[in-house]
Protein backbone atom coordinates (compact mmCIF):
# COMPACT_ATOMS: atom_id res chain seq x y z
CA MET A 1 -60.18 41.55 15.45
CA ILE A 2 -63.44 42.28 17.76
CA SER A 3 -63.87 46.10 17.69
CA LEU A 4 -65.10 47.60 20.37
CA PRO A 5 -67.72 50.21 20.90
CA ASP A 6 -66.32 54.04 20.74
CA ASN A 7 -68.83 54.79 23.47
CA ARG A 8 -67.09 52.89 26.41
CA ALA A 9 -64.41 53.91 28.59
CA TYR A 10 -61.79 51.12 29.72
CA THR A 11 -59.37 51.43 32.48
CA ALA A 12 -55.84 49.51 31.74
CA ILE A 13 -55.39 47.00 34.45
CA HIS A 14 -51.94 48.91 35.56
CA THR A 15 -54.42 51.57 37.08
CA LEU A 16 -56.48 49.63 39.69
CA ASN A 17 -55.32 50.02 42.97
CA ASP A 18 -54.00 47.30 45.44
CA ASP A 19 -57.49 46.59 47.02
CA ALA A 20 -58.85 46.10 43.60
CA LEU A 21 -56.00 43.96 42.27
CA LEU A 22 -56.24 41.78 45.70
CA ASN A 23 -59.90 41.29 45.27
CA ILE A 24 -59.64 40.42 41.69
CA PHE A 25 -56.94 37.51 42.59
CA TYR A 26 -59.41 36.56 45.15
CA LEU A 27 -62.03 35.74 43.07
CA TYR A 28 -60.13 34.37 40.73
CA GLN A 29 -58.95 31.60 43.13
CA LEU A 30 -62.72 31.06 43.64
CA SER A 31 -63.08 29.40 40.34
CA PHE A 32 -60.64 26.78 41.13
CA THR A 33 -60.91 25.98 44.95
CA GLU A 34 -63.97 23.30 44.42
CA SER A 35 -61.38 21.28 41.93
CA TYR A 36 -59.17 20.70 45.03
CA CYS A 37 -60.57 20.97 48.01
CA ASP A 38 -63.48 18.66 48.29
CA VAL A 39 -63.61 16.22 46.07
CA LEU A 40 -63.01 12.70 47.12
CA PHE A 41 -62.72 10.17 44.39
CA TYR A 42 -61.42 12.34 41.45
CA PRO A 43 -59.35 15.19 43.23
CA ASP A 44 -57.76 17.95 40.83
CA TRP A 45 -54.89 19.26 43.63
CA GLY A 46 -52.91 20.56 41.00
CA SER A 47 -55.19 23.50 40.50
CA ALA A 48 -53.92 24.98 43.49
CA ARG A 49 -51.01 26.28 41.61
CA TRP A 50 -53.18 28.78 39.76
CA TRP A 51 -51.28 31.57 41.38
CA TYR A 52 -47.97 30.44 40.36
CA LYS A 53 -48.31 32.63 36.66
CA PRO A 54 -49.89 35.41 38.07
CA ALA A 55 -47.04 35.80 40.47
CA GLN A 56 -44.53 35.86 37.67
CA VAL A 57 -46.49 39.11 35.45
CA CYS A 58 -44.88 41.35 37.35
CA GLN A 59 -43.22 42.36 41.23
CA ARG A 60 -45.97 44.61 42.41
CA TRP A 61 -48.81 41.42 41.07
CA ARG A 62 -46.25 39.31 43.09
CA TYR A 63 -45.94 41.18 46.24
CA LEU A 64 -49.60 41.00 46.52
CA ILE A 65 -50.47 37.87 46.55
CA LEU A 66 -47.37 36.74 48.48
CA ALA A 67 -48.73 39.50 51.04
CA SER A 68 -52.30 37.67 51.22
CA PRO A 69 -50.99 34.03 51.80
CA VAL A 70 -54.30 32.98 53.77
CA ARG A 71 -56.96 34.95 51.73
CA LEU A 72 -55.75 33.62 48.28
CA GLY A 73 -55.25 29.92 49.97
CA LEU A 74 -51.77 29.73 48.65
CA HIS A 75 -50.30 26.56 48.97
CA LEU A 76 -46.93 24.86 47.09
CA VAL A 77 -47.56 21.76 45.30
CA CYS A 78 -44.85 19.22 45.13
CA THR A 79 -45.96 16.93 42.36
CA TYR A 80 -44.60 14.85 39.13
CA GLY A 81 -41.58 16.49 37.65
CA THR A 82 -41.57 19.52 40.39
CA PRO A 83 -37.91 20.23 42.08
CA VAL A 84 -39.19 19.87 45.27
CA ALA A 85 -35.70 20.64 47.10
CA ASP A 86 -34.88 23.95 45.11
CA MET A 87 -39.34 24.76 45.62
CA LEU A 88 -38.85 24.65 49.42
CA VAL A 89 -35.37 26.49 49.82
CA HIS A 90 -36.34 28.99 47.41
CA SER A 91 -40.27 29.76 47.99
CA PRO A 92 -41.93 31.50 51.39
CA PRO A 93 -42.88 28.20 53.90
CA LEU A 94 -46.25 28.34 52.24
CA PRO A 95 -48.63 24.80 53.12
CA LEU A 96 -47.79 22.03 50.87
CA ILE A 97 -49.94 19.59 48.99
CA ILE A 98 -48.18 16.32 48.43
CA ASP A 99 -49.99 15.00 45.12
CA TYR A 100 -49.39 12.10 43.26
CA LEU A 101 -52.86 10.89 42.74
CA ASP A 102 -52.38 10.50 38.31
CA ASP A 103 -54.19 7.41 37.16
CA VAL A 104 -51.13 7.28 34.12
CA ARG A 105 -48.46 9.14 35.64
CA GLU A 106 -45.61 6.95 37.38
CA ALA A 107 -43.66 8.78 40.32
CA SER A 108 -40.07 8.53 39.74
CA ALA A 109 -37.38 8.06 41.71
CA GLU A 110 -36.41 11.43 42.42
CA ASP A 111 -40.40 12.18 42.84
CA GLU A 112 -40.28 9.36 45.42
CA GLU A 113 -37.20 11.24 47.23
CA ALA A 114 -38.99 14.75 47.09
CA ILE A 115 -42.25 12.72 48.60
CA LEU A 116 -39.58 11.77 51.59
CA LEU A 117 -38.34 15.52 51.45
CA ALA A 118 -41.50 17.14 51.73
CA LEU A 119 -43.15 14.77 54.19
CA ARG A 120 -40.15 16.36 56.92
CA HIS A 121 -42.17 19.29 56.93
CA ARG A 122 -44.93 18.30 59.12
CA ASP A 123 -46.49 21.24 60.27
CA ARG A 124 -46.92 22.47 56.96
CA VAL A 125 -48.06 19.42 54.98
CA ARG A 126 -52.33 20.20 53.75
CA ARG A 127 -52.83 17.26 52.24
CA ILE A 128 -51.39 13.88 51.36
CA GLY A 129 -52.35 12.09 47.85
CA LEU A 130 -50.23 8.64 46.91
CA ARG A 131 -51.19 6.73 43.88
CA MET A 132 -48.36 4.07 42.93
CA PRO A 133 -47.14 0.47 43.10
CA ALA A 134 -47.87 -0.70 46.44
CA PRO A 135 -44.00 -1.44 47.69
CA ASN A 136 -43.35 2.30 47.01
CA LEU A 137 -45.96 3.17 49.68
CA LEU A 138 -43.72 1.79 52.35
CA GLU A 139 -41.13 4.54 52.75
CA PRO A 140 -43.60 7.25 52.46
CA ILE A 141 -45.73 5.71 55.00
CA LYS A 142 -42.95 4.90 57.50
CA ALA A 143 -42.51 8.48 57.56
CA MET A 144 -45.68 9.84 58.45
CA ASP A 145 -44.66 8.70 61.85
CA GLY A 146 -45.51 11.74 64.47
CA GLN A 147 -48.08 14.73 64.31
CA PHE A 148 -49.02 16.31 61.23
CA PRO A 149 -51.19 19.35 62.87
CA ALA A 150 -51.95 21.19 59.51
CA LEU A 151 -53.01 17.82 57.61
CA GLU A 152 -56.89 17.94 55.95
CA ARG A 153 -56.46 15.28 53.58
CA LEU A 154 -55.25 11.64 53.22
CA PHE A 155 -55.25 9.53 49.88
CA ILE A 156 -53.26 6.42 49.59
CA TRP A 157 -54.43 4.60 46.91
CA PRO A 158 -51.73 1.80 45.33
CA ARG A 159 -51.76 0.63 41.92
CA THR A 160 -51.38 -2.75 42.67
CA GLN A 161 -53.23 -5.65 45.14
CA ASP A 162 -50.54 -7.77 46.42
CA ASP A 163 -49.40 -8.61 49.63
CA THR A 164 -47.32 -5.99 50.87
CA SER A 165 -48.79 -4.43 54.22
CA LEU A 166 -49.52 -0.96 54.68
CA ILE A 167 -50.14 0.13 57.68
CA LEU A 168 -50.54 3.15 58.98
CA PRO A 169 -47.54 4.01 62.08
CA THR A 170 -49.62 3.92 65.44
CA THR A 171 -47.89 7.62 66.09
CA PHE A 172 -49.32 8.89 63.30
CA GLN A 173 -51.91 12.12 64.31
CA ALA A 174 -53.28 14.57 62.90
CA SER A 175 -56.05 16.29 64.62
CA HIS A 176 -57.67 18.67 61.67
CA LEU A 177 -57.97 15.63 59.22
CA GLY A 178 -60.79 16.15 57.40
CA MET A 179 -61.19 13.65 54.48
CA ILE A 180 -59.47 9.94 54.82
CA SER A 181 -59.41 8.12 52.10
CA MET A 182 -57.56 4.62 51.41
CA SER A 183 -57.53 1.59 49.71
CA TYR A 184 -55.43 -1.68 50.01
CA ALA A 185 -54.04 0.24 52.98
CA THR A 186 -54.91 -0.01 56.72
CA LEU A 187 -54.70 2.39 60.41
CA PRO A 188 -53.53 -0.01 63.37
CA VAL A 189 -56.02 -1.39 65.88
CA GLY A 190 -55.52 0.98 68.49
CA SER A 191 -54.24 4.09 66.51
CA PRO A 192 -55.30 7.40 67.84
CA LEU A 193 -55.96 8.82 64.68
CA LEU A 194 -59.64 7.87 64.63
CA THR A 195 -60.40 8.58 67.88
CA THR A 196 -59.18 12.64 67.85
CA THR A 197 -60.08 13.56 63.95
CA VAL A 198 -63.34 15.15 65.40
CA GLY A 199 -63.61 17.26 62.61
CA LEU A 200 -63.71 14.47 59.63
CA THR A 201 -66.17 14.35 57.10
CA SER A 202 -65.09 11.60 55.10
CA LEU A 203 -63.88 7.87 56.21
CA GLU A 204 -63.04 5.41 53.36
CA LEU A 205 -61.44 2.23 54.03
CA TRP A 206 -61.98 -0.23 51.11
CA ASP A 207 -60.51 -3.23 50.48
CA MET A 208 -58.77 -3.64 53.51
CA PRO A 209 -56.91 -7.69 54.11
CA LEU A 210 -58.39 -9.95 56.77
CA SER A 211 -55.28 -8.33 58.41
CA ALA A 212 -56.70 -5.39 59.24
CA TYR A 213 -59.92 -6.62 60.11
CA PHE A 214 -61.42 -5.14 63.49
CA GLN A 215 -64.99 -5.96 65.14
CA PRO A 216 -68.32 -4.09 64.04
CA SER A 217 -68.06 -2.34 67.19
CA TYR A 218 -64.78 -1.68 67.74
CA LEU A 219 -65.51 0.49 64.26
CA VAL A 220 -68.44 2.04 66.28
CA ALA A 221 -66.93 2.78 69.06
CA ARG A 222 -64.76 4.83 66.89
CA LEU A 223 -67.70 6.63 64.72
CA ALA A 224 -69.01 8.31 68.62
CA SER A 225 -66.24 10.85 68.12
CA MET A 226 -66.98 11.12 64.64
CA PRO A 227 -70.05 13.75 64.57
CA GLN A 228 -69.57 15.69 61.42
CA LEU A 229 -69.13 12.42 59.73
CA GLU A 230 -70.96 12.98 56.09
CA SER A 231 -69.49 9.92 53.96
CA LEU A 232 -68.38 6.76 55.27
CA SER A 233 -67.47 3.58 53.36
CA ILE A 234 -65.83 0.37 55.12
CA GLY A 235 -65.28 -2.68 52.49
CA PHE A 236 -63.06 -5.64 52.89
CA ARG A 237 -61.06 -7.51 49.97
CA CYS A 238 -62.34 -10.93 50.62
CA PRO A 239 -64.87 -12.68 53.26
CA ILE A 240 -64.27 -12.62 56.88
CA PRO A 241 -65.59 -15.73 58.69
CA THR A 242 -68.73 -15.53 60.18
CA ARG A 243 -67.46 -16.57 63.02
CA ASP A 244 -64.73 -13.93 63.77
CA ILE A 245 -67.60 -11.55 63.27
CA GLU A 246 -69.63 -12.83 66.24
CA ARG A 247 -66.47 -13.06 68.17
CA GLN A 248 -66.90 -9.97 70.72
CA PRO A 249 -63.63 -8.71 72.27
CA LEU A 250 -63.85 -8.03 76.08
CA HIS A 251 -62.63 -4.55 75.43
CA THR A 252 -65.40 -3.07 73.67
CA SER A 253 -69.12 -2.33 74.34
CA ILE A 254 -71.22 -4.45 72.75
CA GLY A 255 -74.46 -2.75 73.43
CA MET A 256 -73.37 0.77 72.00
CA HIS A 257 -75.14 2.64 69.89
CA VAL A 258 -73.85 5.78 67.83
CA THR A 259 -76.23 8.47 65.78
CA LEU A 260 -74.07 10.07 63.51
CA PRO A 261 -76.42 13.12 62.61
CA ASN A 262 -74.98 14.52 59.40
CA LEU A 263 -73.81 11.21 57.77
CA ARG A 264 -75.54 11.20 54.03
CA LEU A 265 -73.34 8.26 52.10
CA LEU A 266 -72.64 4.52 53.55
CA PHE A 267 -70.89 2.30 51.28
CA PHE A 268 -70.16 -1.14 52.77
CA ARG A 269 -68.77 -4.56 50.46
CA GLY A 270 -68.41 -7.57 52.94
CA VAL A 271 -70.25 -10.31 54.29
CA SER A 272 -74.19 -9.85 55.41
CA ALA A 273 -72.88 -10.80 58.98
CA TYR A 274 -70.79 -7.95 59.14
CA MET A 275 -72.82 -5.50 57.72
CA GLU A 276 -75.52 -6.37 60.44
CA GLY A 277 -73.50 -5.83 63.36
CA LEU A 278 -72.75 -2.21 61.80
CA LEU A 279 -76.04 -1.30 60.98
CA ALA A 280 -77.72 -2.86 64.80
CA ARG A 281 -75.31 -0.06 66.23
CA ILE A 282 -75.60 2.99 63.73
CA SER A 283 -78.58 5.59 62.89
CA THR A 284 -77.83 8.02 60.09
CA PRO A 285 -81.48 10.10 60.32
CA LEU A 286 -80.34 12.34 57.08
CA LEU A 287 -78.65 9.21 54.85
CA GLU A 288 -79.18 9.91 51.16
CA VAL A 289 -77.57 6.90 49.24
CA LEU A 290 -76.87 3.29 51.04
CA GLN A 291 -75.02 1.16 48.56
CA ILE A 292 -73.86 -2.45 49.88
CA ARG A 293 -72.25 -5.26 48.09
CA LEU A 294 -72.60 -8.44 49.49
CA PHE A 295 -70.03 -11.33 48.66
CA ASN A 296 -71.39 -15.05 47.89
CA GLN A 297 -72.89 -16.87 50.14
CA LEU A 298 -76.00 -19.79 50.92
CA ASN A 299 -78.21 -17.83 53.61
CA PHE A 300 -78.35 -14.17 53.76
CA THR A 301 -80.11 -13.34 57.41
CA VAL A 302 -80.68 -9.65 57.23
CA PRO A 303 -83.54 -8.07 59.86
CA ASN A 304 -81.20 -5.26 60.97
CA LEU A 305 -80.78 -3.75 57.42
CA LEU A 306 -84.63 -3.24 57.52
CA GLN A 307 -84.57 -1.93 60.84
CA PHE A 308 -81.65 0.35 59.94
CA MET A 309 -83.18 1.81 57.20
CA SER A 310 -86.59 2.52 58.92
CA ARG A 311 -84.34 4.99 61.22
CA THR A 312 -84.23 7.36 58.14
CA GLU A 313 -86.01 9.91 56.55
CA ASN A 314 -84.76 9.82 53.19
CA LEU A 315 -84.45 6.31 51.73
CA GLY A 316 -88.04 6.06 50.57
CA PHE A 317 -88.54 4.24 46.83
CA THR A 318 -91.28 3.88 43.86
CA PHE A 319 -89.12 2.30 41.30
CA ALA A 320 -86.75 -0.23 41.63
CA ARG A 321 -84.40 -1.95 39.25
CA LEU A 322 -83.68 -5.85 39.64
CA THR A 323 -80.49 -6.52 37.05
CA PHE A 324 -79.15 -10.26 36.52
CA TYR A 325 -75.26 -9.82 35.74
CA ARG A 326 -72.67 -12.28 35.23
CA GLU A 327 -71.35 -12.26 37.65
CA VAL A 328 -73.77 -10.18 40.39
CA VAL A 329 -77.18 -9.48 40.39
CA VAL A 330 -78.09 -5.87 41.51
CA LEU A 331 -80.84 -3.96 43.17
CA THR A 332 -81.16 -0.67 42.85
CA ALA A 333 -84.16 1.73 44.14
CA ASP A 334 -84.74 5.10 43.68
CA ARG A 335 -88.27 7.65 43.61
CA ARG A 336 -87.95 8.02 39.88
CA GLU A 337 -86.98 6.12 36.79
CA GLU A 338 -85.14 9.19 35.76
CA ASP A 339 -83.14 9.81 38.75
CA ARG A 340 -79.10 9.46 38.08
CA VAL A 341 -78.44 9.03 41.46
CA ASN A 342 -80.10 5.75 43.65
CA PRO A 343 -80.41 5.92 47.23
CA LEU A 344 -80.57 2.41 47.37
CA ASP A 345 -77.94 0.32 45.48
CA VAL A 346 -77.62 -3.42 46.72
CA ALA A 347 -75.19 -6.06 44.52
CA ILE A 348 -74.57 -9.77 45.04
CA GLY A 349 -71.87 -11.38 44.20
CA CYS A 350 -72.49 -14.59 42.26
CA GLU A 351 -72.81 -16.38 38.73
CA HIS A 352 -75.56 -18.40 37.95
CA VAL A 353 -78.94 -17.26 37.47
CA ASP A 354 -80.80 -19.73 39.88
CA TRP A 355 -78.24 -18.91 43.01
CA GLN A 356 -78.58 -15.10 41.85
CA VAL A 357 -82.61 -15.61 42.08
CA SER A 358 -82.28 -17.41 45.62
CA SER A 359 -79.99 -14.98 47.10
CA ALA A 360 -82.10 -11.77 45.91
CA ALA A 361 -85.23 -13.10 47.49
CA GLN A 362 -83.80 -13.66 50.22
CA ILE A 363 -82.59 -9.41 50.42
CA LEU A 364 -85.70 -8.70 48.63
CA ASN A 365 -88.09 -10.55 51.56
CA ALA A 366 -86.27 -8.53 54.58
CA LEU A 367 -87.32 -5.42 52.72
CA VAL A 368 -90.95 -6.32 52.13
CA PRO A 369 -92.07 -2.95 54.06
CA VAL A 370 -90.06 -0.73 51.74
CA LEU A 371 -90.46 -2.71 48.74
CA SER A 372 -94.19 -3.05 48.79
CA VAL A 373 -94.67 0.81 47.95
CA VAL A 374 -92.60 0.45 44.77
CA GLU A 375 -94.53 0.97 41.30
CA GLY A 376 -92.59 0.14 38.83
CA LEU A 377 -90.00 -2.43 38.23
CA VAL A 378 -87.38 -3.48 35.59
CA LEU A 379 -86.05 -6.68 35.62
CA GLY A 380 -82.96 -6.80 33.38
CA TYR A 381 -80.92 -9.47 32.06
CA GLU A 382 -77.11 -9.93 30.55
CA GLU A 383 -76.51 -12.85 28.68
CA HIS A 384 -75.01 -15.35 30.85
CA ASP A 385 -72.11 -17.61 29.10
CA LEU A 386 -73.59 -20.85 28.30
CA SER A 387 -70.95 -22.79 30.43
CA SER A 388 -73.29 -21.38 33.27
CA GLU A 389 -76.93 -22.84 31.27
CA GLN A 390 -77.67 -25.53 33.64
CA HIS A 391 -77.65 -23.10 36.49
CA ASN A 392 -80.02 -20.79 34.93
CA GLU A 393 -83.40 -22.53 35.44
CA VAL A 394 -84.97 -21.34 38.09
CA ASN A 395 -87.93 -23.00 39.68
CA HIS A 396 -91.30 -21.75 39.92
CA THR A 397 -90.97 -20.91 44.06
CA GLN A 398 -87.74 -19.06 43.67
CA TRP A 399 -89.45 -16.62 41.18
CA CYS A 400 -92.44 -16.33 42.91
CA ASP A 401 -90.26 -15.69 46.45
CA LEU A 402 -88.30 -12.82 44.65
CA LEU A 403 -91.59 -11.17 43.35
CA ARG A 404 -93.60 -11.56 46.01
CA PRO A 405 -92.06 -8.02 48.11
CA PHE A 406 -93.30 -5.97 45.12
CA SER A 407 -97.25 -6.24 45.70
CA GLY A 408 -97.61 -2.63 44.46
CA VAL A 409 -95.82 -2.86 41.54
CA LYS A 410 -98.27 -1.26 38.89
CA VAL A 411 -95.73 -1.14 35.73
CA LEU A 412 -93.13 -4.20 35.36
CA HIS A 413 -90.67 -3.96 32.37
CA VAL A 414 -89.22 -7.59 31.79
CA ALA A 415 -86.09 -7.88 29.10
CA GLY A 416 -85.81 -10.34 26.43
CA GLY A 417 -83.66 -12.73 28.28
CA LEU A 418 -85.93 -13.23 30.83
CA ILE A 419 -89.40 -13.75 29.37
CA ARG A 420 -89.26 -17.37 29.16
CA LYS A 421 -87.89 -17.67 32.78
CA LEU A 422 -90.33 -15.26 34.03
CA SER A 423 -93.38 -16.43 32.08
CA HIS A 424 -93.35 -19.84 33.91
CA SER A 425 -93.46 -18.26 37.63
CA LEU A 426 -96.40 -16.29 36.58
CA ARG A 427 -98.47 -19.17 35.47
CA LEU A 428 -100.67 -20.68 38.11
CA ALA A 429 -100.25 -23.73 40.12
CA ASP A 430 -103.02 -25.69 40.82
CA GLY A 431 -105.48 -23.75 43.64
CA GLN A 432 -103.23 -20.38 43.54
CA PRO A 433 -104.96 -17.47 43.92
CA PRO A 434 -104.57 -15.42 40.88
CA LEU A 435 -103.22 -11.97 42.95
CA GLU A 436 -100.98 -13.87 44.97
CA LEU A 437 -98.04 -12.08 42.67
CA LEU A 438 -98.08 -8.20 41.70
CA PRO A 439 -101.96 -7.99 42.71
CA GLN A 440 -101.80 -4.18 41.69
CA LEU A 441 -99.95 -5.17 37.87
CA GLN A 442 -101.55 -3.03 35.46
CA GLU A 443 -98.79 -3.23 32.58
CA LEU A 444 -96.38 -5.44 31.62
CA ILE A 445 -93.87 -4.43 29.08
CA TYR A 446 -91.33 -6.27 27.22
CA TYR A 447 -88.10 -5.39 24.44
CA LYS A 448 -89.65 -5.04 21.41
CA GLU A 449 -87.15 -7.16 19.41
CA SER A 450 -88.53 -9.78 22.12
CA ASP A 451 -91.26 -11.77 21.02
CA PRO A 452 -93.09 -13.36 24.00
CA GLY A 453 -95.36 -15.52 21.84
CA ASP A 454 -98.00 -16.88 24.35
CA ALA A 455 -95.53 -17.24 27.11
CA PHE A 456 -97.83 -14.71 28.89
CA THR A 457 -101.39 -15.84 27.62
CA SER A 458 -102.28 -17.75 30.60
CA PHE A 459 -100.96 -15.42 32.79
CA ILE A 460 -103.10 -12.36 31.33
CA ASN A 461 -106.27 -14.52 31.01
CA ALA A 462 -106.44 -15.04 34.84
CA ARG A 463 -105.90 -11.55 35.28
CA GLN A 464 -108.44 -10.81 32.65
CA ASN A 465 -111.28 -13.53 34.81
CA ALA A 466 -110.52 -11.92 38.03
CA GLY A 467 -111.60 -8.60 36.79
CA ARG A 468 -107.64 -6.83 36.83
CA SER A 469 -106.62 -6.93 33.29
CA VAL A 470 -102.82 -6.56 32.50
CA ALA A 471 -102.01 -5.20 28.83
CA LEU A 472 -98.91 -6.37 27.48
CA ILE A 473 -96.88 -4.15 25.35
CA ARG A 474 -93.91 -4.01 23.49
CA TYR A 475 -91.95 -1.06 24.02
CA PRO A 476 -89.03 0.62 21.94
CA PRO A 477 -85.65 1.53 23.52
CA SER A 478 -82.32 0.32 23.30
CA PRO A 479 -81.25 -2.41 25.33
CA SER A 480 -78.95 -0.47 27.50
CA SER A 481 -81.81 0.69 28.90
CA TRP A 482 -82.63 -2.42 30.00
CA LEU A 483 -79.63 -3.22 32.02
């Protein structure tokens, strides 16, 4: 037991006046607010029930809390196992949070009935979060067929990826929405939702099926009415034929250009032609993170990517990683090696090293002005299956094309699996200038368990003869730091 000093004065909480108690309740709820207000990917809306237990302490506390619903941000939470029907009958008409977003819990038949019951109170619903099998979402989505004037957050995340068509009703409107996050679910073309939500700060339409396809110009026209947007995620479930992207509908403005002054995060997954059509039409001067996932294709022509990046103020880099995984090659770039968030993250889905090098080289050479200032480069490699080894031999020209954009690199890290592959590309061909590739290189670092032998001898001797010596260094960190 902790003993308290005798010379300190203590006041029992029941002696505090109502204003003091109310201030305590206000400060107490602040510790929960951040966990259920604006968290996009991992919302914890159950924290909105913070006031349930204090309201049961005594009649006085209950009266004070219920008398200040706005100041204390009081909500009723409809979630797993909650007797929603009884709660609505016996509780004050407080705003409603419909929270069925748990990763592991399944909504029961009673829960599904409770969701439909809560959705009938359209003027009270503040947040809707549904994570369940796609077929189970059909009825709740169908019930969202009118005005939801108080709705601030809408999350629809199916657990299954089947062919169930999840399309919001065309009559669904919510003028006070601040966040929309949907996967495998779509908005119908012509929906007024994206033109009436001027306060929207986050829009995520991810894993959209081909049936939900809309032109980049159509999306840009809708973005024009979202000046407060801070986060934008657009992703398709599978590749879209390029011919469909290039076919412009007559009712949209092809030349429209929109500036999103508050956008900080932009995520895209699809084919490069769609990305180019989108980036050509928007400017994001304060963008801090750009993440791109591209489907495999033979040719990548991305001039608008560089132009888009040049219209931002914060996408500058001095350090880059290029990692070859089994099914994807990933470029990340940031300002320092230890940065936890990469301002630039570009991934291309393809399986074999030769295809990966070819695809990456096309993207990298489109970003020469950006990558030429990079001073530190890591080349990482995850061992590929033996069945793909016939595709793992990359010719000299491909590696040269890959490395050429990094003309300012001073320190190059090479994972053990790439030493043999890379060393061949660094050997000078007849008549090739010794400083054509990596002219500023000072250190070539390789992982300690890999013995390069004489793999880099030719390259290092050529640099030595040209008066630009390169130090070959064995480096000791764990393998995970290379990937």
